Protein backbone atom coordinates (compact mmCIF):
# COMPACT_ATOMS: atom_id res chain seq x y z
CA UNK A 1 91.28 112.87 87.18
CA UNK A 2 93.40 116.00 87.27
CA UNK A 3 96.10 117.17 89.57
CA UNK A 4 95.51 120.44 91.37
CA UNK A 5 97.20 122.14 94.27
CA UNK A 6 94.53 123.52 96.54
CA UNK A 7 94.49 126.12 99.28
CA UNK A 8 92.49 123.72 101.41
CA UNK A 9 90.73 120.43 100.79
CA UNK A 10 87.37 121.59 102.11
CA UNK A 11 86.72 124.36 99.56
CA UNK A 12 89.14 123.03 96.93
CA UNK A 13 90.22 126.49 95.82
CA UNK A 14 92.62 125.76 92.97
CA UNK A 15 95.90 127.68 92.89
CA UNK A 16 97.12 125.88 89.77
CA UNK A 17 96.75 122.60 87.95
CA UNK A 18 99.67 120.31 87.26
CA UNK A 19 102.82 119.55 89.21
CA UNK A 20 105.05 122.11 90.93
CA UNK A 21 108.31 121.69 92.83
CA UNK A 22 108.68 123.48 96.15
CA UNK A 23 112.00 125.35 95.83
CA UNK A 24 113.89 128.23 97.45
CA UNK A 25 111.97 130.84 95.42
CA UNK A 26 108.78 130.06 97.35
CA UNK A 27 107.96 132.13 100.44
CA UNK A 28 108.11 130.54 103.86
CA UNK A 29 104.63 129.56 105.00
CA UNK A 30 103.65 128.85 108.60
CA UNK A 31 100.40 126.99 109.23
CA UNK A 32 99.37 127.29 112.89
CA UNK A 33 97.91 123.82 113.30
CA UNK A 34 99.32 120.31 113.48
CA UNK A 35 96.51 118.94 111.33
CA UNK A 36 98.21 120.05 108.10
CA UNK A 37 101.27 118.50 106.47
CA UNK A 38 104.37 120.66 106.14
CA UNK A 39 106.59 121.01 103.08
CA UNK A 40 110.23 121.88 102.65
CA UNK A 41 112.49 122.82 99.75
CA UNK A 42 112.54 120.04 97.16
CA UNK A 43 109.16 118.56 98.13
CA UNK A 44 106.59 118.01 95.42
CA UNK A 45 103.07 118.95 96.47
CA UNK A 46 100.38 117.24 94.44
CA UNK A 47 96.74 116.99 95.46
CA UNK A 48 94.62 114.79 93.22
CA UNK A 49 90.96 115.64 92.88
CA UNK A 50 88.18 114.46 90.57
CA UNK A 51 87.45 117.96 89.32
CA UNK A 52 89.26 121.24 89.98
CA UNK A 53 86.86 123.95 91.17
CA UNK A 54 87.57 127.28 89.49
CA UNK A 55 84.12 128.70 90.19
CA UNK A 56 85.11 130.64 93.33
CA UNK A 57 87.64 133.48 93.57
CA UNK A 58 90.67 132.87 95.78
CA UNK A 59 90.45 134.08 99.35
CA UNK A 60 93.16 133.49 101.93
CA UNK A 61 92.06 131.10 104.70
CA UNK A 62 92.28 132.40 108.26
CA UNK A 63 95.68 131.83 109.82
CA UNK A 64 97.63 132.73 106.66
CA UNK A 65 99.53 136.00 106.40
CA UNK A 66 101.60 137.83 103.81
CA UNK A 67 105.36 137.37 104.15
């Protein structure tokens, strides 16, 4: 098992592996659906998967925008 933070669980696009702390240096992110969990400063976001998928390049899912 490895820990990976993913853009979304369906495609499992890995942003990084390991553990990161959500702090004030992170941009504010708005996700326009109630189906996703929200995070705030101080939260730890860890998604555990059997295998991190690095085979696909990152592409921003619809609904995300630059801030």
